[in-house]
């Protein structure tokens, strides 16, 4: 995958990332910036719980959207999870990802308890 460095504009060839494949050794060949940590400040919003998804289907959607966000310079992910089992499973996984430093943080939206905000990069 070709990825343009947001700091200097150089196009670098790097692998497609998944949430558990963060590699801080992938640096821009020109300016030495860590490519995986760059972001454009954007938020990606997705609903993983309101299409009659099972918990497994929702978790699969979560991974698809996390991988999309990682590979497209997205800083934050806004997950619409509802209020049941899916929310509980998502929070458990996000807690693990935060402990492993795959994400920066996550929190339940103060205005809507069925929404979780995830900060992927600072």
PDB file of N, CA and C in Angstrom:
ATOM      1  N   UNK A   1       0.857  -1.178   0.000  1.00  0.00           N
ATOM      2  CA  UNK A   1       0.000   0.000   0.000  1.00  0.00           C
ATOM      3  C   UNK A   1       0.895   1.230   0.000  1.00  0.00           C
ATOM      4  N   UNK A   2       0.553   2.192  -0.822  1.00  0.00           N
ATOM      5  CA  UNK A   2       1.282   3.447  -0.822  1.00  0.00           C
ATOM      6  C   UNK A   2       0.595   4.406   0.137  1.00  0.00           C
ATOM      7  N   UNK A   3       1.394   5.027   1.004  1.00  0.00           N
ATOM      8  CA  UNK A   3       0.857   5.923   2.019  1.00  0.00           C
ATOM      9  C   UNK A   3       1.670   7.213   1.968  1.00  0.00           C
ATOM     10  N   UNK A   4       0.963   8.322   1.772  1.00  0.00           N
ATOM     11  CA  UNK A   4       1.634   9.615   1.728  1.00  0.00           C
ATOM     12  C   UNK A   4       1.878  10.115   3.139  1.00  0.00           C
ATOM     13  N   UNK A   5       3.082  10.557   3.413  1.00  0.00           N
ATOM     14  CA  UNK A   5       3.424  11.121   4.716  1.00  0.00           C
ATOM     15  C   UNK A   5       2.717  12.469   4.855  1.00  0.00           C
ATOM     16  N   UNK A   6       1.970  12.654   5.935  1.00  0.00           N
ATOM     17  CA  UNK A   6       1.261  13.911   6.144  1.00  0.00           C
ATOM     18  C   UNK A   6       2.204  15.037   6.533  1.00  0.00           C
ATOM     19  N   UNK A   7       3.407  14.699   6.998  1.00  0.00           N
ATOM     20  CA  UNK A   7       4.368  15.730   7.401  1.00  0.00           C
ATOM     21  C   UNK A   7       5.115  16.319   6.211  1.00  0.00           C
ATOM     22  N   UNK A   8       5.565  15.462   5.286  1.00  0.00           N
ATOM     23  CA  UNK A   8       6.394  15.971   4.197  1.00  0.00           C
ATOM     24  C   UNK A   8       5.834  15.692   2.806  1.00  0.00           C
ATOM     25  N   UNK A   9       4.830  14.831   2.697  1.00  0.00           N
ATOM     26  CA  UNK A   9       4.208  14.555   1.410  1.00  0.00           C
ATOM     27  C   UNK A   9       4.822  13.425   0.610  1.00  0.00           C
ATOM     28  N   UNK A  10       5.882  12.829   1.106  1.00  0.00           N
ATOM     29  CA  UNK A  10       6.512  11.745   0.364  1.00  0.00           C
ATOM     30  C   UNK A  10       5.624  10.495   0.391  1.00  0.00           C
ATOM     31  N   UNK A  11       5.556   9.804  -0.732  1.00  0.00           N
ATOM     32  CA  UNK A  11       4.783   8.574  -0.820  1.00  0.00           C
ATOM     33  C   UNK A  11       5.691   7.419  -0.419  1.00  0.00           C
ATOM     34  N   UNK A  12       5.229   6.639   0.593  1.00  0.00           N
ATOM     35  CA  UNK A  12       5.987   5.502   1.107  1.00  0.00           C
ATOM     36  C   UNK A  12       5.183   4.233   0.858  1.00  0.00           C
ATOM     37  N   UNK A  13       5.863   3.157   0.574  1.00  0.00           N
ATOM     38  CA  UNK A  13       5.202   1.870   0.392  1.00  0.00           C
ATOM     39  C   UNK A  13       5.273   1.109   1.713  1.00  0.00           C
ATOM     40  N   UNK A  14       4.083   0.857   2.302  1.00  0.00           N
ATOM     41  CA  UNK A  14       4.011   0.138   3.576  1.00  0.00           C
ATOM     42  C   UNK A  14       2.878  -0.879   3.516  1.00  0.00           C
ATOM     43  N   UNK A  15       2.874  -1.868   4.404  1.00  0.00           N
ATOM     44  CA  UNK A  15       1.804  -2.860   4.395  1.00  0.00           C
ATOM     45  C   UNK A  15       0.487  -2.281   4.909  1.00  0.00           C
ATOM     46  N   UNK A  16      -0.605  -2.941   4.573  1.00  0.00           N
ATOM     47  CA  UNK A  16      -1.915  -2.582   5.121  1.00  0.00           C
ATOM     48  C   UNK A  16      -1.926  -3.017   6.575  1.00  0.00           C
ATOM     49  N   UNK A  17      -2.400  -2.135   7.456  1.00  0.00           N
ATOM     50  CA  UNK A  17      -2.387  -2.409   8.885  1.00  0.00           C
ATOM     51  C   UNK A  17      -3.698  -2.990   9.368  1.00  0.00           C
ATOM     52  N   UNK A  18      -3.611  -3.811  10.378  1.00  0.00           N
ATOM     53  CA  UNK A  18      -4.749  -4.211  11.180  1.00  0.00           C
ATOM     54  C   UNK A  18      -4.448  -3.701  12.582  1.00  0.00           C
ATOM     55  N   UNK A  19      -5.463  -3.651  13.420  1.00  0.00           N
ATOM     56  CA  UNK A  19      -5.321  -3.044  14.748  1.00  0.00           C
ATOM     57  C   UNK A  19      -4.158  -3.636  15.531  1.00  0.00           C
ATOM     58  N   UNK A  20      -3.899  -4.912  15.405  1.00  0.00           N
ATOM     59  CA  UNK A  20      -2.839  -5.538  16.196  1.00  0.00           C
ATOM     60  C   UNK A  20      -1.494  -5.546  15.477  1.00  0.00           C
ATOM     61  N   UNK A  21      -1.422  -4.912  14.296  1.00  0.00           N
ATOM     62  CA  UNK A  21      -0.182  -4.907  13.517  1.00  0.00           C
ATOM     63  C   UNK A  21       0.568  -3.584  13.561  1.00  0.00           C
ATOM     64  N   UNK A  22       0.264  -2.744  14.536  1.00  0.00           N
ATOM     65  CA  UNK A  22       0.943  -1.450  14.609  1.00  0.00           C
ATOM     66  C   UNK A  22       2.441  -1.679  14.620  1.00  0.00           C
ATOM     67  N   UNK A  23       3.118  -0.974  13.774  1.00  0.00           N
ATOM     68  CA  UNK A  23       4.565  -1.103  13.709  1.00  0.00           C
ATOM     69  C   UNK A  23       5.174   0.292  13.672  1.00  0.00           C
ATOM     70  N   UNK A  24       5.687   0.719  14.800  1.00  0.00           N
ATOM     71  CA  UNK A  24       6.254   2.067  14.877  1.00  0.00           C
ATOM     72  C   UNK A  24       7.599   2.168  14.161  1.00  0.00           C
ATOM     73  N   UNK A  25       8.037   1.067  13.562  1.00  0.00           N
ATOM     74  CA  UNK A  25       9.269   1.100  12.775  1.00  0.00           C
ATOM     75  C   UNK A  25       9.009   1.531  11.338  1.00  0.00           C
ATOM     76  N   UNK A  26       7.737   1.584  10.925  1.00  0.00           N
ATOM     77  CA  UNK A  26       7.410   2.047   9.580  1.00  0.00           C
ATOM     78  C   UNK A  26       7.459   3.573   9.576  1.00  0.00           C
ATOM     79  N   UNK A  27       8.550   4.078   9.063  1.00  0.00           N
ATOM     80  CA  UNK A  27       8.800   5.517   9.079  1.00  0.00           C
ATOM     81  C   UNK A  27       8.927   6.056   7.664  1.00  0.00           C
ATOM     82  N   UNK A  28       8.634   7.321   7.524  1.00  0.00           N
ATOM     83  CA  UNK A  28       8.793   7.983   6.234  1.00  0.00           C
ATOM     84  C   UNK A  28      10.271   7.954   5.837  1.00  0.00           C
ATOM     85  N   UNK A  29      10.505   7.619   4.589  1.00  0.00           N
ATOM     86  CA  UNK A  29      11.892   7.540   4.109  1.00  0.00           C
ATOM     87  C   UNK A  29      12.548   8.906   4.010  1.00  0.00           C
ATOM     88  N   UNK A  30      11.760   9.960   3.914  1.00  0.00           N
ATOM     89  CA  UNK A  30      12.302  11.303   3.761  1.00  0.00           C
ATOM     90  C   UNK A  30      12.484  12.024   5.096  1.00  0.00           C
ATOM     91  N   UNK A  31      11.424  12.040   5.941  1.00  0.00           N
ATOM     92  CA  UNK A  31      11.483  12.865   7.152  1.00  0.00           C
ATOM     93  C   UNK A  31      11.527  12.053   8.451  1.00  0.00           C
ATOM     94  N   UNK A  32      11.453  10.728   8.347  1.00  0.00           N
ATOM     95  CA  UNK A  32      11.561   9.805   9.485  1.00  0.00           C
ATOM     96  C   UNK A  32      10.360   9.858  10.437  1.00  0.00           C
ATOM     97  N   UNK A  33       9.229  10.426  10.019  1.00  0.00           N
ATOM     98  CA  UNK A  33       8.024  10.429  10.847  1.00  0.00           C
ATOM     99  C   UNK A  33       7.451   9.019  10.943  1.00  0.00           C
ATOM    100  N   UNK A  34       6.850   8.695  12.083  1.00  0.00           N
ATOM    101  CA  UNK A  34       6.204   7.393  12.254  1.00  0.00           C
ATOM    102  C   UNK A  34       4.865   7.452  11.518  1.00  0.00           C
ATOM    103  N   UNK A  35       4.729   6.687  10.440  1.00  0.00           N
ATOM    104  CA  UNK A  35       3.563   6.785   9.575  1.00  0.00           C
ATOM    105  C   UNK A  35       2.265   6.362  10.259  1.00  0.00           C
ATOM    106  N   UNK A  36       2.299   5.339  11.067  1.00  0.00           N
ATOM    107  CA  UNK A  36       1.083   4.815  11.682  1.00  0.00           C
ATOM    108  C   UNK A  36       0.488   5.781  12.708  1.00  0.00           C
ATOM    109  N   UNK A  37       1.277   6.702  13.220  1.00  0.00           N
ATOM    110  CA  UNK A  37       0.785   7.651  14.214  1.00  0.00           C
ATOM    111  C   UNK A  37       0.223   8.927  13.600  1.00  0.00           C
ATOM    112  N   UNK A  38       0.367   9.104  12.302  1.00  0.00           N
ATOM    113  CA  UNK A  38      -0.141  10.305  11.654  1.00  0.00           C
ATOM    114  C   UNK A  38      -1.658  10.224  11.502  1.00  0.00           C
ATOM    115  N   UNK A  39      -2.322  11.382  11.607  1.00  0.00           N
ATOM    116  CA  UNK A  39      -3.769  11.434  11.412  1.00  0.00           C
ATOM    117  C   UNK A  39      -4.155  12.782  10.836  1.00  0.00           C
ATOM    118  N   UNK A  40      -5.355  12.820  10.280  1.00  0.00           N
ATOM    119  CA  UNK A  40      -5.854  14.066   9.701  1.00  0.00           C
ATOM    120  C   UNK A  40      -6.895  14.747  10.591  1.00  0.00           C
ATOM    121  N   UNK A  41      -7.091  14.228  11.809  1.00  0.00           N
ATOM    122  CA  UNK A  41      -8.034  14.815  12.745  1.00  0.00           C
ATOM    123  C   UNK A  41      -9.475  14.395  12.540  1.00  0.00           C
ATOM    124  N   UNK A  42      -9.730  13.495  11.595  1.00  0.00           N
ATOM    125  CA  UNK A  42     -11.105  13.128  11.271  1.00  0.00           C
ATOM    126  C   UNK A  42     -11.678  12.075  12.217  1.00  0.00           C
ATOM    127  N   UNK A  43     -13.014  11.994  12.196  1.00  0.00           N
ATOM    128  CA  UNK A  43     -13.752  10.998  12.966  1.00  0.00           C
ATOM    129  C   UNK A  43     -14.558  10.142  11.994  1.00  0.00           C
ATOM    130  N   UNK A  44     -14.473   8.842  12.156  1.00  0.00           N
ATOM    131  CA  UNK A  44     -15.249   7.895  11.349  1.00  0.00           C
ATOM    132  C   UNK A  44     -16.366   7.367  12.238  1.00  0.00           C
ATOM    133  N   UNK A  45     -17.619   7.475  11.787  1.00  0.00           N
ATOM    134  CA  UNK A  45     -18.769   7.016  12.561  1.00  0.00           C
ATOM    135  C   UNK A  45     -19.350   5.767  11.909  1.00  0.00           C
ATOM    136  N   UNK A  46     -19.682   4.774  12.747  1.00  0.00           N
ATOM    137  CA  UNK A  46     -20.288   3.552  12.220  1.00  0.00           C
ATOM    138  C   UNK A  46     -21.258   2.967  13.236  1.00  0.00           C
ATOM    139  N   UNK A  47     -22.320   2.378  12.715  1.00  0.00           N
ATOM    140  CA  UNK A  47     -23.331   1.716  13.540  1.00  0.00           C
ATOM    141  C   UNK A  47     -23.110   0.217  13.399  1.00  0.00           C
ATOM    142  N   UNK A  48     -22.748  -0.428  14.499  1.00  0.00           N
ATOM    143  CA  UNK A  48     -22.472  -1.868  14.439  1.00  0.00           C
ATOM    144  C   UNK A  48     -23.531  -2.686  15.159  1.00  0.00           C
ATOM    145  N   UNK A  49     -24.640  -2.053  15.589  1.00  0.00           N
ATOM    146  CA  UNK A  49     -25.588  -2.767  16.450  1.00  0.00           C
ATOM    147  C   UNK A  49     -27.059  -2.662  16.064  1.00  0.00           C
ATOM    148  N   UNK A  50     -27.408  -1.916  15.054  1.00  0.00           N
ATOM    149  CA  UNK A  50     -28.829  -1.694  14.808  1.00  0.00           C
ATOM    150  C   UNK A  50     -29.337  -2.337  13.523  1.00  0.00           C
ATOM    151  N   UNK A  51     -28.630  -3.321  13.008  1.00  0.00           N
ATOM    152  CA  UNK A  51     -29.075  -4.056  11.828  1.00  0.00           C
ATOM    153  C   UNK A  51     -29.358  -5.507  12.175  1.00  0.00           C
ATOM    154  N   UNK A  52     -29.769  -5.738  13.416  1.00  0.00           N
ATOM    155  CA  UNK A  52     -30.040  -7.092  13.921  1.00  0.00           C
ATOM    156  C   UNK A  52     -28.791  -7.975  13.915  1.00  0.00           C
ATOM    157  N   UNK A  53     -27.623  -7.348  14.120  1.00  0.00           N
ATOM    158  CA  UNK A  53     -26.366  -8.089  14.162  1.00  0.00           C
ATOM    159  C   UNK A  53     -26.295  -8.959  15.413  1.00  0.00           C
ATOM    160  N   UNK A  54     -25.664 -10.107  15.269  1.00  0.00           N
ATOM    161  CA  UNK A  54     -25.302 -10.896  16.441  1.00  0.00           C
ATOM    162  C   UNK A  54     -24.065 -10.238  17.047  1.00  0.00           C
ATOM    163  N   UNK A  55     -23.674 -10.683  18.224  1.00  0.00           N
ATOM    164  CA  UNK A  55     -22.469 -10.145  18.853  1.00  0.00           C
ATOM    165  C   UNK A  55     -21.264 -10.407  17.951  1.00  0.00           C
ATOM    166  N   UNK A  56     -21.158 -11.606  17.398  1.00  0.00           N
ATOM    167  CA  UNK A  56     -20.028 -11.929  16.518  1.00  0.00           C
ATOM    168  C   UNK A  56     -20.003 -11.041  15.275  1.00  0.00           C
ATOM    169  N   UNK A  57     -21.162 -10.797  14.676  1.00  0.00           N
ATOM    170  CA  UNK A  57     -21.217  -9.933  13.497  1.00  0.00           C
ATOM    171  C   UNK A  57     -20.826  -8.500  13.856  1.00  0.00           C
ATOM    172  N   UNK A  58     -21.290  -8.030  15.003  1.00  0.00           N
ATOM    173  CA  UNK A  58     -20.945  -6.676  15.443  1.00  0.00           C
ATOM    174  C   UNK A  58     -19.448  -6.550  15.701  1.00  0.00           C
ATOM    175  N   UNK A  59     -18.858  -7.568  16.300  1.00  0.00           N
ATOM    176  CA  UNK A  59     -17.415  -7.523  16.571  1.00  0.00           C
ATOM    177  C   UNK A  59     -16.623  -7.552  15.260  1.00  0.00           C
ATOM    178  N   UNK A  60     -17.105  -8.295  14.292  1.00  0.00           N
ATOM    179  CA  UNK A  60     -16.463  -8.317  12.976  1.00  0.00           C
ATOM    180  C   UNK A  60     -16.542  -6.933  12.330  1.00  0.00           C
ATOM    181  N   UNK A  61     -17.707  -6.281  12.435  1.00  0.00           N
ATOM    182  CA  UNK A  61     -17.848  -4.917  11.914  1.00  0.00           C
ATOM    183  C   UNK A  61     -16.913  -3.954  12.643  1.00  0.00           C
ATOM    184  N   UNK A  62     -16.798  -4.130  13.948  1.00  0.00           N
ATOM    185  CA  UNK A  62     -15.898  -3.287  14.730  1.00  0.00           C
ATOM    186  C   UNK A  62     -14.483  -3.387  14.187  1.00  0.00           C
ATOM    187  N   UNK A  63     -14.003  -4.601  13.943  1.00  0.00           N
ATOM    188  CA  UNK A  63     -12.651  -4.776  13.416  1.00  0.00           C
ATOM    189  C   UNK A  63     -12.499  -4.178  12.017  1.00  0.00           C
ATOM    190  N   UNK A  64     -13.520  -4.330  11.184  1.00  0.00           N
ATOM    191  CA  UNK A  64     -13.457  -3.736   9.847  1.00  0.00           C
ATOM    192  C   UNK A  64     -13.315  -2.221   9.934  1.00  0.00           C
ATOM    193  N   UNK A  65     -14.086  -1.603  10.808  1.00  0.00           N
ATOM    194  CA  UNK A  65     -14.049  -0.140  10.922  1.00  0.00           C
ATOM    195  C   UNK A  65     -12.771   0.347  11.607  1.00  0.00           C
ATOM    196  N   UNK A  66     -12.269  -0.402  12.576  1.00  0.00           N
ATOM    197  CA  UNK A  66     -10.982  -0.045  13.186  1.00  0.00           C
ATOM    198  C   UNK A  66      -9.868  -0.113  12.152  1.00  0.00           C
ATOM    199  N   UNK A  67      -9.844  -1.174  11.355  1.00  0.00           N
ATOM    200  CA  UNK A  67      -8.817  -1.321  10.330  1.00  0.00           C
ATOM    201  C   UNK A  67      -8.936  -0.227   9.277  1.00  0.00           C
ATOM    202  N   UNK A  68     -10.168   0.120   8.912  1.00  0.00           N
ATOM    203  CA  UNK A  68     -10.379   1.225   7.975  1.00  0.00           C
ATOM    204  C   UNK A  68      -9.786   2.516   8.553  1.00  0.00           C
ATOM    205  N   UNK A  69     -10.109   2.790   9.805  1.00  0.00           N
ATOM    206  CA  UNK A  69      -9.637   4.023  10.447  1.00  0.00           C
ATOM    207  C   UNK A  69      -8.114   4.072  10.524  1.00  0.00           C
ATOM    208  N   UNK A  70      -7.513   2.952  10.851  1.00  0.00           N
ATOM    209  CA  UNK A  70      -6.057   2.903  10.960  1.00  0.00           C
ATOM    210  C   UNK A  70      -5.391   3.170   9.618  1.00  0.00           C
ATOM    211  N   UNK A  71      -5.949   2.641   8.563  1.00  0.00           N
ATOM    212  CA  UNK A  71      -5.334   2.755   7.242  1.00  0.00           C
ATOM    213  C   UNK A  71      -5.703   4.029   6.505  1.00  0.00           C
ATOM    214  N   UNK A  72      -6.524   4.874   7.091  1.00  0.00           N
ATOM    215  CA  UNK A  72      -6.965   6.090   6.406  1.00  0.00           C
ATOM    216  C   UNK A  72      -6.774   7.350   7.235  1.00  0.00           C
ATOM    217  N   UNK A  73      -5.762   7.376   8.069  1.00  0.00           N
ATOM    218  CA  UNK A  73      -5.373   8.574   8.825  1.00  0.00           C
ATOM    219  C   UNK A  73      -6.444   9.083   9.792  1.00  0.00           C
ATOM    220  N   UNK A  74      -7.450   8.289  10.098  1.00  0.00           N
ATOM    221  CA  UNK A  74      -8.525   8.717  10.986  1.00  0.00           C
ATOM    222  C   UNK A  74      -8.022   8.787  12.424  1.00  0.00           C
ATOM    223  N   UNK A  75      -8.402   9.848  13.130  1.00  0.00           N
ATOM    224  CA  UNK A  75      -7.968   9.999  14.514  1.00  0.00           C
ATOM    225  C   UNK A  75      -8.921   9.332  15.492  1.00  0.00           C
ATOM    226  N   UNK A  76     -10.227   9.441  15.215  1.00  0.00           N
ATOM    227  CA  UNK A  76     -11.230   8.939  16.154  1.00  0.00           C
ATOM    228  C   UNK A  76     -12.250   8.055  15.450  1.00  0.00           C
ATOM    229  N   UNK A  77     -12.811   7.138  16.217  1.00  0.00           N
ATOM    230  CA  UNK A  77     -13.872   6.271  15.743  1.00  0.00           C
ATOM    231  C   UNK A  77     -15.061   6.458  16.668  1.00  0.00           C
ATOM    232  N   UNK A  78     -16.216   6.724  16.097  1.00  0.00           N
ATOM    233  CA  UNK A  78     -17.452   6.884  16.880  1.00  0.00           C
ATOM    234  C   UNK A  78     -18.307   5.663  16.594  1.00  0.00           C
ATOM    235  N   UNK A  79     -18.464   4.807  17.594  1.00  0.00           N
ATOM    236  CA  UNK A  79     -19.181   3.548  17.442  1.00  0.00           C
ATOM    237  C   UNK A  79     -20.585   3.646  18.024  1.00  0.00           C
ATOM    238  N   UNK A  80     -21.578   3.342  17.223  1.00  0.00           N
ATOM    239  CA  UNK A  80     -22.951   3.263  17.712  1.00  0.00           C
ATOM    240  C   UNK A  80     -23.178   1.794  18.052  1.00  0.00           C
ATOM    241  N   UNK A  81     -23.315   1.524  19.366  1.00  0.00           N
ATOM    242  CA  UNK A  81     -23.331   0.137  19.845  1.00  0.00           C
ATOM    243  C   UNK A  81     -24.625  -0.267  20.545  1.00  0.00           C
ATOM    244  N   UNK A  82     -25.529   0.665  20.799  1.00  0.00           N
ATOM    245  CA  UNK A  82     -26.747   0.334  21.525  1.00  0.00           C
ATOM    246  C   UNK A  82     -26.458   0.121  23.002  1.00  0.00           C
ATOM    247  N   UNK A  83     -27.334  -0.607  23.668  1.00  0.00           N
ATOM    248  CA  UNK A  83     -27.178  -0.733  25.110  1.00  0.00           C
ATOM    249  C   UNK A  83     -27.125  -2.147  25.642  1.00  0.00           C
ATOM    250  N   UNK A  84     -26.953  -3.131  24.808  1.00  0.00           N
ATOM    251  CA  UNK A  84     -27.010  -4.517  25.277  1.00  0.00           C
ATOM    252  C   UNK A  84     -25.672  -5.234  25.276  1.00  0.00           C
ATOM    253  N   UNK A  85     -25.734  -6.503  24.898  1.00  0.00           N
ATOM    254  CA  UNK A  85     -24.544  -7.364  24.912  1.00  0.00           C
ATOM    255  C   UNK A  85     -23.443  -6.858  23.998  1.00  0.00           C
ATOM    256  N   UNK A  86     -23.829  -6.296  22.868  1.00  0.00           N
ATOM    257  CA  UNK A  86     -22.814  -5.789  21.939  1.00  0.00           C
ATOM    258  C   UNK A  86     -21.983  -4.710  22.611  1.00  0.00           C
ATOM    259  N   UNK A  87     -22.627  -3.789  23.306  1.00  0.00           N
ATOM    260  CA  UNK A  87     -21.901  -2.720  24.004  1.00  0.00           C
ATOM    261  C   UNK A  87     -20.922  -3.302  25.018  1.00  0.00           C
ATOM    262  N   UNK A  88     -21.366  -4.284  25.775  1.00  0.00           N
ATOM    263  CA  UNK A  88     -20.497  -4.904  26.781  1.00  0.00           C
ATOM    264  C   UNK A  88     -19.274  -5.566  26.138  1.00  0.00           C
ATOM    265  N   UNK A  89     -19.490  -6.295  25.061  1.00  0.00           N
ATOM    266  CA  UNK A  89     -18.376  -6.963  24.372  1.00  0.00           C
ATOM    267  C   UNK A  89     -17.405  -5.944  23.768  1.00  0.00           C
ATOM    268  N   UNK A  90     -17.954  -4.901  23.173  1.00  0.00           N
ATOM    269  CA  UNK A  90     -17.114  -3.859  22.579  1.00  0.00           C
ATOM    270  C   UNK A  90     -16.259  -3.196  23.655  1.00  0.00           C
ATOM    271  N   UNK A  91     -16.869  -2.864  24.785  1.00  0.00           N
ATOM    272  CA  UNK A  91     -16.106  -2.230  25.861  1.00  0.00           C
ATOM    273  C   UNK A  91     -14.998  -3.149  26.375  1.00  0.00           C
ATOM    274  N   UNK A  92     -15.276  -4.429  26.479  1.00  0.00           N
ATOM    275  CA  UNK A  92     -14.254  -5.375  26.917  1.00  0.00           C
ATOM    276  C   UNK A  92     -13.075  -5.430  25.952  1.00  0.00           C
ATOM    277  N   UNK A  93     -13.380  -5.470  24.666  1.00  0.00           N
ATOM    278  CA  UNK A  93     -12.312  -5.510  23.665  1.00  0.00           C
ATOM    279  C   UNK A  93     -11.535  -4.200  23.644  1.00  0.00           C
ATOM    280  N   UNK A  94     -12.241  -3.083  23.714  1.00  0.00           N
ATOM    281  CA  UNK A  94     -11.554  -1.787  23.711  1.00  0.00           C
ATOM    282  C   UNK A  94     -10.689  -1.611  24.948  1.00  0.00           C
ATOM    283  N   UNK A  95     -11.125  -2.134  26.075  1.00  0.00           N
ATOM    284  CA  UNK A  95     -10.293  -2.099  27.281  1.00  0.00           C
ATOM    285  C   UNK A  95      -8.987  -2.852  27.026  1.00  0.00           C
ATOM    286  N   UNK A  96      -9.083  -4.028  26.428  1.00  0.00           N
ATOM    287  CA  UNK A  96      -7.897  -4.815  26.101  1.00  0.00           C
ATOM    288  C   UNK A  96      -6.992  -4.048  25.130  1.00  0.00           C
ATOM    289  N   UNK A  97      -7.588  -3.458  24.080  1.00  0.00           N
ATOM    290  CA  UNK A  97      -6.801  -2.713  23.100  1.00  0.00           C
ATOM    291  C   UNK A  97      -6.119  -1.506  23.740  1.00  0.00           C
ATOM    292  N   UNK A  98      -6.785  -0.871  24.679  1.00  0.00           N
ATOM    293  CA  UNK A  98      -6.163   0.264  25.366  1.00  0.00           C
ATOM    294  C   UNK A  98      -4.992  -0.212  26.220  1.00  0.00           C
ATOM    295  N   UNK A  99      -5.165  -1.324  26.929  1.00  0.00           N
ATOM    296  CA  UNK A  99      -4.092  -1.864  27.766  1.00  0.00           C
ATOM    297  C   UNK A  99      -2.883  -2.267  26.924  1.00  0.00           C
ATOM    298  N   UNK A 100      -3.134  -2.752  25.703  1.00  0.00           N
ATOM    299  CA  UNK A 100      -2.056  -3.157  24.798  1.00  0.00           C
ATOM    300  C   UNK A 100      -1.499  -1.976  23.994  1.00  0.00           C
ATOM    301  N   UNK A 101      -2.076  -0.794  24.184  1.00  0.00           N
ATOM    302  CA  UNK A 101      -1.688   0.451  23.523  1.00  0.00           C
ATOM    303  C   UNK A 101      -1.931   0.421  22.015  1.00  0.00           C
ATOM    304  N   UNK A 102      -2.957  -0.333  21.587  1.00  0.00           N
ATOM    305  CA  UNK A 102      -3.388  -0.299  20.190  1.00  0.00           C
ATOM    306  C   UNK A 102      -4.263   0.928  19.941  1.00  0.00           C
ATOM    307  N   UNK A 103      -4.959   1.396  20.982  1.00  0.00           N
ATOM    308  CA  UNK A 103      -5.732   2.634  20.917  1.00  0.00           C
ATOM    309  C   UNK A 103      -5.288   3.515  22.079  1.00  0.00           C
ATOM    310  N   UNK A 104      -5.573   4.797  21.975  1.00  0.00           N
ATOM    311  CA  UNK A 104      -5.205   5.726  23.040  1.00  0.00           C
ATOM    312  C   UNK A 104      -6.206   5.628  24.185  1.00  0.00           C
ATOM    313  N   UNK A 105      -7.513   5.730  23.864  1.00  0.00           N
ATOM    314  CA  UNK A 105      -8.541   5.672  24.901  1.00  0.00           C
ATOM    315  C   UNK A 105      -9.905   5.452  24.263  1.00  0.00           C
ATOM    316  N   UNK A 106     -10.891   5.200  25.119  1.00  0.00           N
ATOM    317  CA  UNK A 106     -12.277   5.101  24.680  1.00  0.00           C
ATOM    318  C   UNK A 106     -13.166   5.570  25.818  1.00  0.00           C
ATOM    319  N   UNK A 107     -14.374   6.024  25.492  1.00  0.00           N
ATOM    320  CA  UNK A 107     -15.319   6.453  26.524  1.00  0.00           C
ATOM    321  C   UNK A 107     -16.732   6.395  25.973  1.00  0.00           C
ATOM    322  N   UNK A 108     -17.670   6.176  26.877  1.00  0.00           N
ATOM    323  CA  UNK A 108     -19.080   6.213  26.516  1.00  0.00           C
ATOM    324  C   UNK A 108     -19.487   7.673  26.397  1.00  0.00           C
ATOM    325  N   UNK A 109     -20.206   7.998  25.343  1.00  0.00           N
ATOM    326  CA  UNK A 109     -20.660   9.369  25.104  1.00  0.00           C
ATOM    327  C   UNK A 109     -21.559   9.820  26.253  1.00  0.00           C
ATOM    328  N   UNK A 110     -21.321  10.986  26.781  1.00  0.00           N
ATOM    329  CA  UNK A 110     -22.093  11.480  27.922  1.00  0.00           C
ATOM    330  C   UNK A 110     -23.538  11.835  27.544  1.00  0.00           C
ATOM    331  N   UNK A 111     -23.790  12.114  26.282  1.00  0.00           N
ATOM    332  CA  UNK A 111     -25.141  12.469  25.841  1.00  0.00           C
ATOM    333  C   UNK A 111     -25.924  11.280  25.304  1.00  0.00           C
ATOM    334  N   UNK A 112     -25.211  10.198  24.944  1.00  0.00           N
ATOM    335  CA  UNK A 112     -25.875   9.026  24.386  1.00  0.00           C
ATOM    336  C   UNK A 112     -25.120   7.785  24.841  1.00  0.00           C
ATOM    337  N   UNK A 113     -25.690   7.048  25.764  1.00  0.00           N
ATOM    338  CA  UNK A 113     -25.008   5.881  26.348  1.00  0.00           C
ATOM    339  C   UNK A 113     -24.813   4.740  25.365  1.00  0.00           C
ATOM    340  N   UNK A 114     -25.438   4.827  24.202  1.00  0.00           N
ATOM    341  CA  UNK A 114     -25.276   3.792  23.181  1.00  0.00           C
ATOM    342  C   UNK A 114     -24.180   4.098  22.181  1.00  0.00           C
ATOM    343  N   UNK A 115     -23.374   5.116  22.483  1.00  0.00           N
ATOM    344  CA  UNK A 115     -22.283   5.517  21.598  1.00  0.00           C
ATOM    345  C   UNK A 115     -20.968   5.477  22.375  1.00  0.00           C
ATOM    346  N   UNK A 116     -19.955   4.893  21.744  1.00  0.00           N
ATOM    347  CA  UNK A 116     -18.608   4.842  22.337  1.00  0.00           C
ATOM    348  C   UNK A 116     -17.662   5.595  21.401  1.00  0.00           C
ATOM    349  N   UNK A 117     -16.905   6.505  21.980  1.00  0.00           N
ATOM    350  CA  UNK A 117     -15.897   7.247  21.221  1.00  0.00           C
ATOM    351  C   UNK A 117     -14.534   6.632  21.478  1.00  0.00           C
ATOM    352  N   UNK A 118     -13.803   6.365  20.410  1.00  0.00           N
ATOM    353  CA  UNK A 118     -12.481   5.749  20.504  1.00  0.00           C
ATOM    354  C   UNK A 118     -11.465   6.714  19.909  1.00  0.00           C
ATOM    355  N   UNK A 119     -10.433   7.014  20.679  1.00  0.00           N
ATOM    356  CA  UNK A 119      -9.328   7.813  20.149  1.00  0.00           C
ATOM    357  C   UNK A 119      -8.239   6.827  19.740  1.00  0.00           C
ATOM    358  N   UNK A 120      -7.959   6.813  18.442  1.00  0.00           N
ATOM    359  CA  UNK A 120      -6.990   5.860  17.900  1.00  0.00           C
ATOM    360  C   UNK A 120      -5.576   6.432  17.958  1.00  0.00           C
ATOM    361  N   UNK A 121      -5.456   7.703  17.625  1.00  0.00           N
ATOM    362  CA  UNK A 121      -4.153   8.371  17.611  1.00  0.00           C
ATOM    363  C   UNK A 121      -4.278   9.727  18.287  1.00  0.00           C
ATOM    364  N   UNK A 122      -3.184  10.181  18.903  1.00  0.00           N
ATOM    365  CA  UNK A 122      -3.175  11.512  19.537  1.00  0.00           C
ATOM    366  C   UNK A 122      -3.009  12.580  18.503  1.00  0.00           C
TER     367      UNK A 122
END
